[in-house]
């Protein structure tokens, strides 16, 4: 599975899962569990608001050194589109956008899948008319992740950042590598 797919579905799960220890379930956004990994969200039978999450541009970070045999730093665009209905749709879309921003800030690494994710821009647009009117808030996030795409049917690509100290580096010392947590280098063994 491509890291983009893993990251996209992790964000969908983060936005759409109920908050822990809430009964009845409480959600991070007014969209509740109506969060879809799709370019455009189907209008759910239980109505709006809802969120659609998709990825855009995915490029190698040109400022990071190129490493033909190791992980490369990637810059990924993630788009979250929130649709809000009704006469006060502009206010509802703004509130939904704020909830999405707050949810992403609550876990800016998506459980360690990305180095970081931050809001780049928000745009809004009206759709439909009359009772079918809605406003869509399009939030564009930039995420940084590290990937080493396998050739053919190799192992799944790492989505974490790992490090080790000399002389225990390179393919012969993969067992010596430790996950780097929030920018903290591994301890010297």
N, C-alpha and C. Protein backbone atom coordinates (compact mmCIF):
# COMPACT_ATOMS: atom_id res chain seq x y z
N UNK A 1 0.85 -1.17 0.00
CA UNK A 1 0.00 0.00 0.00
C UNK A 1 0.90 1.24 0.00
N UNK A 2 0.56 2.21 -0.82
CA UNK A 2 1.36 3.43 -0.90
C UNK A 2 1.20 4.23 0.39
N UNK A 3 2.26 4.90 0.85
CA UNK A 3 2.13 5.73 2.06
C UNK A 3 1.01 6.76 1.97
N UNK A 4 0.73 7.29 0.77
CA UNK A 4 -0.38 8.24 0.62
C UNK A 4 -1.69 7.62 1.08
N UNK A 5 -1.92 6.38 0.68
CA UNK A 5 -3.14 5.67 1.05
C UNK A 5 -3.23 5.50 2.56
N UNK A 6 -2.12 5.09 3.17
CA UNK A 6 -2.07 4.89 4.61
C UNK A 6 -2.36 6.21 5.34
N UNK A 7 -1.72 7.28 4.90
CA UNK A 7 -1.89 8.59 5.53
C UNK A 7 -3.33 9.09 5.36
N UNK A 8 -3.87 8.97 4.15
CA UNK A 8 -5.24 9.43 3.89
C UNK A 8 -6.24 8.70 4.78
N UNK A 9 -6.13 7.39 4.85
CA UNK A 9 -7.07 6.61 5.66
C UNK A 9 -6.88 6.84 7.15
N UNK A 10 -5.65 7.13 7.57
CA UNK A 10 -5.42 7.47 8.99
C UNK A 10 -6.11 8.78 9.35
N UNK A 11 -6.07 9.76 8.44
CA UNK A 11 -6.74 11.03 8.72
C UNK A 11 -8.26 10.84 8.73
N UNK A 12 -8.77 10.03 7.82
CA UNK A 12 -10.22 9.73 7.81
C UNK A 12 -10.62 9.09 9.14
N UNK A 13 -9.83 8.12 9.60
CA UNK A 13 -10.15 7.45 10.86
C UNK A 13 -10.07 8.43 12.03
N UNK A 14 -9.05 9.28 12.02
CA UNK A 14 -8.89 10.26 13.11
C UNK A 14 -10.08 11.21 13.17
N UNK A 15 -10.51 11.70 12.02
CA UNK A 15 -11.61 12.66 11.99
C UNK A 15 -12.97 12.01 12.25
N UNK A 16 -13.13 10.74 11.88
CA UNK A 16 -14.44 10.10 11.94
C UNK A 16 -14.69 9.18 13.12
N UNK A 17 -13.68 8.91 13.94
CA UNK A 17 -13.90 8.02 15.08
C UNK A 17 -14.47 8.80 16.25
N UNK A 18 -15.34 8.17 17.02
CA UNK A 18 -15.86 8.84 18.21
C UNK A 18 -14.73 9.09 19.21
N UNK A 19 -14.87 10.14 19.98
CA UNK A 19 -13.91 10.42 21.03
C UNK A 19 -14.00 9.33 22.08
N UNK A 20 -12.87 8.97 22.69
CA UNK A 20 -12.90 7.90 23.69
C UNK A 20 -13.77 8.27 24.90
N UNK A 21 -14.36 7.25 25.46
CA UNK A 21 -15.14 7.39 26.70
C UNK A 21 -16.29 8.37 26.60
N UNK A 22 -16.98 8.39 25.46
CA UNK A 22 -18.17 9.23 25.33
C UNK A 22 -19.36 8.34 25.01
N UNK A 23 -20.41 8.50 25.79
CA UNK A 23 -21.62 7.72 25.58
C UNK A 23 -22.81 8.63 25.85
N UNK A 24 -23.60 8.99 24.86
CA UNK A 24 -23.52 8.57 23.46
C UNK A 24 -22.25 9.12 22.81
N UNK A 25 -21.88 8.54 21.65
CA UNK A 25 -20.64 8.95 21.01
C UNK A 25 -20.59 10.45 20.69
N UNK A 26 -19.45 11.03 20.95
CA UNK A 26 -19.18 12.42 20.61
C UNK A 26 -18.02 12.41 19.61
N UNK A 27 -18.08 13.29 18.63
CA UNK A 27 -17.08 13.29 17.57
C UNK A 27 -16.28 14.59 17.55
N UNK A 28 -15.16 14.55 16.84
CA UNK A 28 -14.28 15.72 16.74
C UNK A 28 -14.90 16.85 15.92
N UNK A 29 -15.80 16.49 14.99
CA UNK A 29 -16.42 17.50 14.14
C UNK A 29 -17.93 17.26 14.05
N UNK A 30 -18.63 18.26 13.57
CA UNK A 30 -20.08 18.14 13.37
C UNK A 30 -20.41 17.10 12.30
N UNK A 31 -19.43 16.70 11.49
CA UNK A 31 -19.66 15.67 10.47
C UNK A 31 -19.82 14.30 11.11
N UNK A 32 -19.44 14.15 12.37
CA UNK A 32 -19.57 12.85 13.03
C UNK A 32 -18.75 11.79 12.32
N UNK A 33 -19.38 10.66 12.04
CA UNK A 33 -18.68 9.57 11.34
C UNK A 33 -18.85 9.66 9.82
N UNK A 34 -19.40 10.75 9.33
CA UNK A 34 -19.60 10.93 7.88
C UNK A 34 -18.33 11.54 7.28
N UNK A 35 -17.25 10.75 7.30
CA UNK A 35 -15.94 11.15 6.79
C UNK A 35 -15.53 10.10 5.77
N UNK A 36 -15.20 10.55 4.55
CA UNK A 36 -14.97 9.62 3.45
C UNK A 36 -13.60 9.84 2.83
N UNK A 37 -12.92 8.75 2.49
CA UNK A 37 -11.65 8.80 1.77
C UNK A 37 -11.99 8.83 0.28
N UNK A 38 -12.38 10.00 -0.18
CA UNK A 38 -12.86 10.14 -1.56
C UNK A 38 -12.62 11.56 -2.04
N UNK A 39 -12.54 11.71 -3.34
CA UNK A 39 -12.35 13.04 -3.91
C UNK A 39 -13.57 13.93 -3.68
N UNK A 40 -14.74 13.33 -3.69
CA UNK A 40 -15.95 14.08 -3.32
C UNK A 40 -16.82 13.14 -2.50
N UNK A 41 -17.32 13.67 -1.41
CA UNK A 41 -18.11 12.84 -0.50
C UNK A 41 -19.50 12.62 -1.06
N UNK A 42 -20.00 11.38 -1.00
CA UNK A 42 -21.40 11.16 -1.36
C UNK A 42 -22.26 11.82 -0.29
N UNK A 43 -23.38 12.40 -0.68
CA UNK A 43 -24.26 13.00 0.33
C UNK A 43 -24.88 11.84 1.09
N UNK A 44 -24.57 11.72 2.38
CA UNK A 44 -25.07 10.58 3.14
C UNK A 44 -26.58 10.67 3.35
N UNK A 45 -27.18 9.50 3.56
CA UNK A 45 -28.64 9.46 3.74
C UNK A 45 -29.06 10.22 4.99
N UNK A 46 -28.17 10.29 5.98
CA UNK A 46 -28.52 11.03 7.19
C UNK A 46 -28.08 12.50 7.09
N UNK A 47 -27.75 12.95 5.86
CA UNK A 47 -27.54 14.36 5.60
C UNK A 47 -26.14 14.89 5.83
N UNK A 48 -26.08 16.20 5.71
CA UNK A 48 -24.84 16.92 5.90
C UNK A 48 -24.77 17.39 7.35
N UNK A 49 -23.67 17.83 7.86
CA UNK A 49 -22.39 17.99 7.18
C UNK A 49 -21.63 16.68 7.02
N UNK A 50 -20.68 16.70 6.11
CA UNK A 50 -19.82 15.55 5.91
C UNK A 50 -18.45 16.04 5.44
N UNK A 51 -17.46 15.15 5.49
CA UNK A 51 -16.10 15.48 5.09
C UNK A 51 -15.61 14.49 4.03
N UNK A 52 -14.88 15.00 3.06
CA UNK A 52 -14.20 14.17 2.06
C UNK A 52 -12.72 14.46 2.17
N UNK A 53 -11.90 13.41 2.26
CA UNK A 53 -10.45 13.55 2.40
C UNK A 53 -9.78 12.93 1.19
N UNK A 54 -8.91 13.70 0.53
CA UNK A 54 -8.13 13.14 -0.58
C UNK A 54 -6.76 13.77 -0.60
N UNK A 55 -5.86 13.15 -1.35
CA UNK A 55 -4.50 13.66 -1.45
C UNK A 55 -4.30 14.31 -2.80
N UNK A 56 -3.37 15.24 -2.80
CA UNK A 56 -3.03 15.95 -4.03
C UNK A 56 -1.59 15.66 -4.39
N UNK A 57 -0.85 16.72 -4.60
CA UNK A 57 0.54 16.61 -5.03
C UNK A 57 1.39 15.90 -3.97
N UNK A 58 2.31 15.06 -4.43
CA UNK A 58 3.23 14.31 -3.58
C UNK A 58 4.59 14.42 -4.24
N UNK A 59 5.49 15.22 -3.65
CA UNK A 59 6.79 15.46 -4.28
C UNK A 59 7.92 15.18 -3.29
N UNK A 60 9.06 14.83 -3.85
CA UNK A 60 10.26 14.67 -3.02
C UNK A 60 10.68 16.05 -2.55
N UNK A 61 11.10 16.14 -1.30
CA UNK A 61 11.57 17.40 -0.74
C UNK A 61 12.94 17.69 -1.34
N UNK A 62 13.00 18.67 -2.25
CA UNK A 62 14.25 18.99 -2.94
C UNK A 62 15.31 19.54 -1.99
N UNK A 63 14.90 20.04 -0.82
CA UNK A 63 15.89 20.58 0.12
C UNK A 63 16.56 19.48 0.94
N UNK A 64 16.00 18.26 0.91
CA UNK A 64 16.59 17.13 1.65
C UNK A 64 17.53 16.38 0.72
N UNK A 65 18.61 15.85 1.27
CA UNK A 65 19.54 15.11 0.42
C UNK A 65 18.88 13.90 -0.23
N UNK A 66 19.15 13.69 -1.50
CA UNK A 66 18.62 12.52 -2.20
C UNK A 66 19.39 11.29 -1.75
N UNK A 67 18.67 10.22 -1.49
CA UNK A 67 19.28 8.99 -1.01
C UNK A 67 18.69 7.85 -1.83
N UNK A 68 19.44 7.38 -2.79
CA UNK A 68 18.92 6.38 -3.72
C UNK A 68 18.52 5.08 -3.03
N UNK A 69 19.20 4.72 -1.94
CA UNK A 69 18.93 3.44 -1.29
C UNK A 69 18.19 3.56 0.03
N UNK A 70 17.82 4.76 0.41
CA UNK A 70 17.18 4.92 1.71
C UNK A 70 15.90 5.71 1.61
N UNK A 71 15.34 6.02 2.75
CA UNK A 71 14.09 6.77 2.75
C UNK A 71 14.27 8.16 2.15
N UNK A 72 13.24 8.65 1.52
CA UNK A 72 13.27 10.01 1.01
C UNK A 72 12.20 10.82 1.70
N UNK A 73 12.49 12.09 1.89
CA UNK A 73 11.54 12.99 2.54
C UNK A 73 10.57 13.48 1.48
N UNK A 74 9.28 13.36 1.75
CA UNK A 74 8.25 13.73 0.79
C UNK A 74 7.35 14.81 1.36
N UNK A 75 6.83 15.65 0.46
CA UNK A 75 5.89 16.70 0.80
C UNK A 75 4.56 16.35 0.15
N UNK A 76 3.55 16.16 0.95
CA UNK A 76 2.26 15.68 0.48
C UNK A 76 1.18 16.71 0.75
N UNK A 77 0.34 16.95 -0.25
CA UNK A 77 -0.81 17.81 -0.08
C UNK A 77 -2.01 16.94 0.26
N UNK A 78 -2.69 17.29 1.36
CA UNK A 78 -3.90 16.58 1.78
C UNK A 78 -5.04 17.60 1.80
N UNK A 79 -6.15 17.25 1.18
CA UNK A 79 -7.30 18.15 1.11
C UNK A 79 -8.46 17.55 1.89
N UNK A 80 -9.05 18.37 2.76
CA UNK A 80 -10.25 17.97 3.48
C UNK A 80 -11.34 18.94 3.06
N UNK A 81 -12.40 18.41 2.45
CA UNK A 81 -13.53 19.23 2.01
C UNK A 81 -14.71 18.95 2.92
N UNK A 82 -15.18 19.99 3.59
CA UNK A 82 -16.32 19.87 4.49
C UNK A 82 -17.53 20.55 3.90
N UNK A 83 -18.64 19.83 3.78
CA UNK A 83 -19.88 20.38 3.24
C UNK A 83 -20.86 20.64 4.37
N UNK A 84 -21.39 21.87 4.41
CA UNK A 84 -22.35 22.24 5.44
C UNK A 84 -23.60 22.80 4.77
N UNK A 85 -24.80 22.40 5.24
CA UNK A 85 -26.06 22.79 4.60
C UNK A 85 -26.74 23.97 5.28
N UNK A 86 -27.81 24.42 4.64
CA UNK A 86 -28.76 25.30 5.29
C UNK A 86 -28.58 26.78 5.08
N UNK A 87 -29.49 27.52 5.69
CA UNK A 87 -29.52 28.97 5.54
C UNK A 87 -28.27 29.62 6.14
N UNK A 88 -27.71 29.02 7.18
CA UNK A 88 -26.49 29.54 7.81
C UNK A 88 -25.28 28.71 7.41
N UNK A 89 -25.25 28.29 6.15
CA UNK A 89 -24.20 27.38 5.69
C UNK A 89 -22.81 27.99 5.79
N UNK A 90 -22.68 29.30 5.56
CA UNK A 90 -21.36 29.91 5.67
C UNK A 90 -20.81 29.77 7.08
N UNK A 91 -21.64 30.07 8.07
CA UNK A 91 -21.20 29.95 9.46
C UNK A 91 -20.92 28.49 9.82
N UNK A 92 -21.78 27.58 9.34
CA UNK A 92 -21.60 26.16 9.63
C UNK A 92 -20.32 25.62 8.98
N UNK A 93 -20.01 26.08 7.76
CA UNK A 93 -18.78 25.64 7.08
C UNK A 93 -17.55 26.17 7.81
N UNK A 94 -17.61 27.42 8.28
CA UNK A 94 -16.49 27.97 9.06
C UNK A 94 -16.29 27.19 10.36
N UNK A 95 -17.38 26.86 11.03
CA UNK A 95 -17.30 26.10 12.27
C UNK A 95 -16.72 24.71 12.02
N UNK A 96 -17.16 24.08 10.92
CA UNK A 96 -16.65 22.76 10.55
C UNK A 96 -15.16 22.84 10.24
N UNK A 97 -14.74 23.88 9.52
CA UNK A 97 -13.32 24.06 9.19
C UNK A 97 -12.50 24.20 10.47
N UNK A 98 -13.00 24.97 11.43
CA UNK A 98 -12.30 25.15 12.70
C UNK A 98 -12.18 23.83 13.45
N UNK A 99 -13.23 23.02 13.41
CA UNK A 99 -13.19 21.71 14.07
C UNK A 99 -12.15 20.81 13.42
N UNK A 100 -12.06 20.83 12.08
CA UNK A 100 -11.07 20.01 11.39
C UNK A 100 -9.66 20.49 11.76
N UNK A 101 -9.44 21.81 11.73
CA UNK A 101 -8.14 22.35 12.10
C UNK A 101 -7.75 21.91 13.52
N UNK A 102 -8.68 22.01 14.45
CA UNK A 102 -8.42 21.62 15.84
C UNK A 102 -8.12 20.13 15.95
N UNK A 103 -8.84 19.31 15.21
CA UNK A 103 -8.61 17.86 15.24
C UNK A 103 -7.23 17.51 14.71
N UNK A 104 -6.79 18.19 13.65
CA UNK A 104 -5.47 17.92 13.09
C UNK A 104 -4.39 18.40 14.07
N UNK A 105 -4.60 19.56 14.68
CA UNK A 105 -3.62 20.05 15.67
C UNK A 105 -3.52 19.12 16.87
N UNK A 106 -4.59 18.41 17.19
CA UNK A 106 -4.58 17.48 18.33
C UNK A 106 -3.67 16.28 18.09
N UNK A 107 -3.41 15.93 16.84
CA UNK A 107 -2.50 14.82 16.51
C UNK A 107 -1.75 15.18 15.23
N UNK A 108 -0.77 16.10 15.32
CA UNK A 108 -0.09 16.61 14.12
C UNK A 108 0.84 15.62 13.43
N UNK A 109 1.01 14.42 14.00
CA UNK A 109 1.81 13.40 13.32
C UNK A 109 0.95 12.21 12.89
N UNK A 110 -0.35 12.30 13.11
CA UNK A 110 -1.28 11.19 12.80
C UNK A 110 -0.76 9.88 13.38
N UNK A 111 -0.46 9.92 14.65
CA UNK A 111 0.01 8.72 15.33
C UNK A 111 1.40 8.31 14.91
N UNK A 112 2.21 9.23 14.42
CA UNK A 112 3.57 8.93 14.00
C UNK A 112 3.72 8.59 12.53
N UNK A 113 2.66 8.66 11.75
CA UNK A 113 2.75 8.34 10.32
C UNK A 113 3.45 9.43 9.53
N UNK A 114 3.34 10.68 9.98
CA UNK A 114 3.96 11.79 9.27
C UNK A 114 4.86 12.56 10.23
N UNK A 115 5.82 13.25 9.67
CA UNK A 115 6.70 14.09 10.47
C UNK A 115 5.91 15.27 11.03
N UNK A 116 4.96 15.75 10.24
CA UNK A 116 4.12 16.86 10.66
C UNK A 116 3.10 17.18 9.60
N UNK A 117 2.03 17.85 10.02
CA UNK A 117 0.99 18.26 9.10
C UNK A 117 0.50 19.62 9.55
N UNK A 118 0.33 20.54 8.60
CA UNK A 118 -0.15 21.88 8.97
C UNK A 118 -1.05 22.44 7.89
N UNK A 119 -1.92 23.33 8.32
CA UNK A 119 -2.85 23.97 7.39
C UNK A 119 -2.10 24.95 6.50
N UNK A 120 -2.36 24.87 5.20
CA UNK A 120 -1.75 25.79 4.24
C UNK A 120 -2.73 26.87 3.81
N UNK A 121 -4.00 26.48 3.56
CA UNK A 121 -5.00 27.45 3.12
C UNK A 121 -6.40 26.86 3.24
N UNK A 122 -7.37 27.77 3.27
CA UNK A 122 -8.78 27.37 3.27
C UNK A 122 -9.50 28.21 2.23
N UNK A 123 -10.38 27.58 1.46
CA UNK A 123 -11.23 28.29 0.50
C UNK A 123 -12.65 27.79 0.69
N UNK A 124 -13.63 28.64 0.40
CA UNK A 124 -15.03 28.23 0.51
C UNK A 124 -15.75 28.52 -0.80
N UNK A 125 -16.79 27.74 -1.05
CA UNK A 125 -17.61 27.94 -2.24
C UNK A 125 -19.02 27.45 -1.95
N UNK A 126 -20.01 28.12 -2.55
CA UNK A 126 -21.41 27.72 -2.39
C UNK A 126 -21.78 26.75 -3.51
N UNK A 127 -22.62 25.78 -3.16
CA UNK A 127 -23.12 24.82 -4.15
C UNK A 127 -24.63 24.73 -4.00
N UNK A 128 -25.30 24.36 -5.05
CA UNK A 128 -26.74 24.15 -5.01
C UNK A 128 -27.51 25.45 -4.82
N UNK A 129 -28.80 25.30 -4.59
CA UNK A 129 -29.66 26.47 -4.36
C UNK A 129 -30.87 26.06 -3.55
N UNK A 130 -31.54 27.03 -2.97
CA UNK A 130 -32.75 26.76 -2.19
C UNK A 130 -32.47 25.83 -1.03
N UNK A 131 -33.34 24.82 -0.86
CA UNK A 131 -33.17 23.87 0.24
C UNK A 131 -31.93 22.99 0.05
N UNK A 132 -31.44 22.89 -1.18
CA UNK A 132 -30.26 22.08 -1.47
C UNK A 132 -28.96 22.86 -1.38
N UNK A 133 -29.02 24.09 -0.87
CA UNK A 133 -27.82 24.91 -0.80
C UNK A 133 -26.88 24.40 0.28
N UNK A 134 -25.59 24.42 -0.03
CA UNK A 134 -24.56 24.05 0.92
C UNK A 134 -23.33 24.90 0.64
N UNK A 135 -22.47 25.01 1.62
CA UNK A 135 -21.19 25.68 1.45
C UNK A 135 -20.12 24.63 1.71
N UNK A 136 -19.13 24.60 0.85
CA UNK A 136 -18.02 23.67 0.99
C UNK A 136 -16.79 24.46 1.43
N UNK A 137 -16.19 24.03 2.53
CA UNK A 137 -14.92 24.58 2.99
C UNK A 137 -13.83 23.60 2.58
N UNK A 138 -12.88 24.07 1.79
CA UNK A 138 -11.79 23.23 1.29
C UNK A 138 -10.52 23.61 2.04
N UNK A 139 -10.07 22.71 2.94
CA UNK A 139 -8.87 22.94 3.73
C UNK A 139 -7.73 22.17 3.09
N UNK A 140 -6.66 22.87 2.78
CA UNK A 140 -5.49 22.23 2.17
C UNK A 140 -4.38 22.19 3.21
N UNK A 141 -3.91 20.99 3.50
CA UNK A 141 -2.84 20.77 4.47
C UNK A 141 -1.58 20.31 3.75
N UNK A 142 -0.44 20.65 4.32
CA UNK A 142 0.84 20.14 3.85
C UNK A 142 1.35 19.15 4.88
N UNK A 143 1.74 17.97 4.44
CA UNK A 143 2.28 16.95 5.35
C UNK A 143 3.67 16.55 4.87
N UNK A 144 4.53 16.23 5.82
CA UNK A 144 5.87 15.74 5.51
C UNK A 144 5.95 14.31 6.01
N UNK A 145 6.40 13.42 5.14
CA UNK A 145 6.59 12.03 5.55
C UNK A 145 7.84 11.48 4.89
N UNK A 146 8.26 10.32 5.33
CA UNK A 146 9.45 9.67 4.79
C UNK A 146 9.03 8.35 4.19
N UNK A 147 9.50 8.09 2.99
CA UNK A 147 9.11 6.85 2.31
C UNK A 147 10.30 6.23 1.63
N UNK A 148 10.30 4.94 1.61
CA UNK A 148 11.26 4.16 0.85
C UNK A 148 10.41 3.16 0.09
N UNK A 149 10.05 3.54 -1.12
CA UNK A 149 9.13 2.70 -1.89
C UNK A 149 9.85 1.43 -2.33
N UNK A 150 9.26 0.27 -2.07
CA UNK A 150 9.90 -0.99 -2.42
C UNK A 150 9.83 -1.24 -3.93
N UNK A 151 10.81 -1.97 -4.41
CA UNK A 151 10.79 -2.40 -5.81
C UNK A 151 9.98 -3.69 -5.87
N UNK A 152 9.04 -3.76 -6.78
CA UNK A 152 8.25 -4.98 -6.95
C UNK A 152 7.41 -5.30 -5.73
N UNK A 153 7.51 -6.54 -5.27
CA UNK A 153 6.70 -7.00 -4.15
C UNK A 153 7.47 -6.96 -2.83
N UNK A 154 8.30 -5.95 -2.65
CA UNK A 154 9.10 -5.83 -1.43
C UNK A 154 8.23 -5.55 -0.22
N UNK A 155 8.89 -5.35 0.92
CA UNK A 155 8.14 -5.08 2.15
C UNK A 155 7.44 -3.73 2.05
N UNK A 156 6.43 -3.50 2.90
CA UNK A 156 5.75 -2.22 2.85
C UNK A 156 6.72 -1.09 3.18
N UNK A 157 6.51 0.08 2.60
CA UNK A 157 7.44 1.18 2.85
C UNK A 157 7.32 1.68 4.28
N UNK A 158 8.47 2.09 4.86
CA UNK A 158 8.39 2.64 6.21
C UNK A 158 7.70 4.01 6.18
N UNK A 159 6.91 4.27 7.19
CA UNK A 159 6.28 5.58 7.28
C UNK A 159 6.76 6.29 8.54
N UNK A 160 7.79 5.76 9.17
CA UNK A 160 8.39 6.36 10.35
C UNK A 160 9.82 6.77 10.01
N UNK A 161 10.40 7.60 10.85
CA UNK A 161 11.79 8.01 10.68
C UNK A 161 12.62 7.24 11.69
N UNK A 162 13.68 6.60 11.22
CA UNK A 162 14.54 5.79 12.06
C UNK A 162 15.96 6.33 11.98
N UNK A 163 16.74 6.06 13.03
CA UNK A 163 18.13 6.49 13.03
C UNK A 163 18.98 5.56 13.86
N UNK A 164 20.29 5.64 13.63
CA UNK A 164 21.24 4.87 14.39
C UNK A 164 22.54 5.66 14.43
N UNK A 165 23.46 5.24 15.27
CA UNK A 165 24.73 5.93 15.41
C UNK A 165 25.83 5.12 14.75
N UNK A 166 26.84 5.81 14.21
CA UNK A 166 28.01 5.15 13.65
C UNK A 166 28.68 4.33 14.74
N UNK A 167 29.25 3.20 14.48
CA UNK A 167 29.37 2.57 13.17
C UNK A 167 28.21 1.64 12.84
N UNK A 168 27.14 1.66 13.65
CA UNK A 168 26.03 0.72 13.45
C UNK A 168 25.00 1.28 12.48
N UNK A 169 25.42 1.60 11.27
CA UNK A 169 24.51 2.11 10.26
C UNK A 169 24.61 1.26 9.00
N UNK A 170 23.63 1.41 8.14
CA UNK A 170 23.63 0.68 6.87
C UNK A 170 22.82 -0.59 6.95
N UNK A 171 22.64 -1.24 5.80
CA UNK A 171 21.78 -2.43 5.72
C UNK A 171 22.16 -3.55 6.68
N UNK A 172 23.45 -3.71 6.98
CA UNK A 172 23.86 -4.81 7.86
C UNK A 172 23.45 -4.55 9.31
N UNK A 173 23.05 -3.34 9.63
CA UNK A 173 22.73 -2.98 11.01
C UNK A 173 21.28 -2.52 11.18
N UNK A 174 20.38 -2.98 10.34
CA UNK A 174 18.99 -2.53 10.43
C UNK A 174 18.39 -2.77 11.81
N UNK A 175 18.80 -3.84 12.49
CA UNK A 175 18.27 -4.12 13.82
C UNK A 175 18.70 -3.08 14.85
N UNK A 176 19.76 -2.33 14.56
CA UNK A 176 20.25 -1.31 15.49
C UNK A 176 19.50 0.01 15.37
N UNK A 177 18.71 0.17 14.32
CA UNK A 177 18.01 1.43 14.12
C UNK A 177 16.84 1.55 15.10
N UNK A 178 16.63 2.76 15.60
CA UNK A 178 15.55 3.03 16.53
C UNK A 178 14.66 4.12 15.95
N UNK A 179 13.39 4.04 16.26
CA UNK A 179 12.43 5.04 15.78
C UNK A 179 12.74 6.39 16.43
N UNK A 180 12.74 7.43 15.63
CA UNK A 180 12.96 8.78 16.14
C UNK A 180 11.60 9.34 16.54
N UNK A 181 11.46 9.67 17.80
CA UNK A 181 10.21 10.16 18.36
C UNK A 181 10.26 11.68 18.49
N UNK A 182 9.39 12.38 17.82
CA UNK A 182 9.23 13.83 17.93
C UNK A 182 10.57 14.55 17.88
N UNK A 183 11.41 14.16 16.91
CA UNK A 183 12.67 14.84 16.69
C UNK A 183 13.79 14.45 17.63
N UNK A 184 13.55 13.50 18.55
CA UNK A 184 14.57 13.08 19.50
C UNK A 184 15.39 11.94 18.90
N UNK A 185 16.71 12.14 18.84
CA UNK A 185 17.59 11.12 18.30
C UNK A 185 17.61 9.91 19.22
N UNK A 186 17.90 8.70 18.67
CA UNK A 186 17.96 7.53 19.52
C UNK A 186 19.14 7.61 20.48
N UNK A 187 19.02 6.88 21.58
CA UNK A 187 20.11 6.85 22.55
C UNK A 187 21.25 6.02 22.00
N UNK A 188 22.46 6.39 22.37
CA UNK A 188 23.65 5.64 21.95
C UNK A 188 23.69 4.36 22.75
N UNK A 189 23.88 3.23 22.04
CA UNK A 189 23.94 1.93 22.72
C UNK A 189 25.37 1.58 23.01
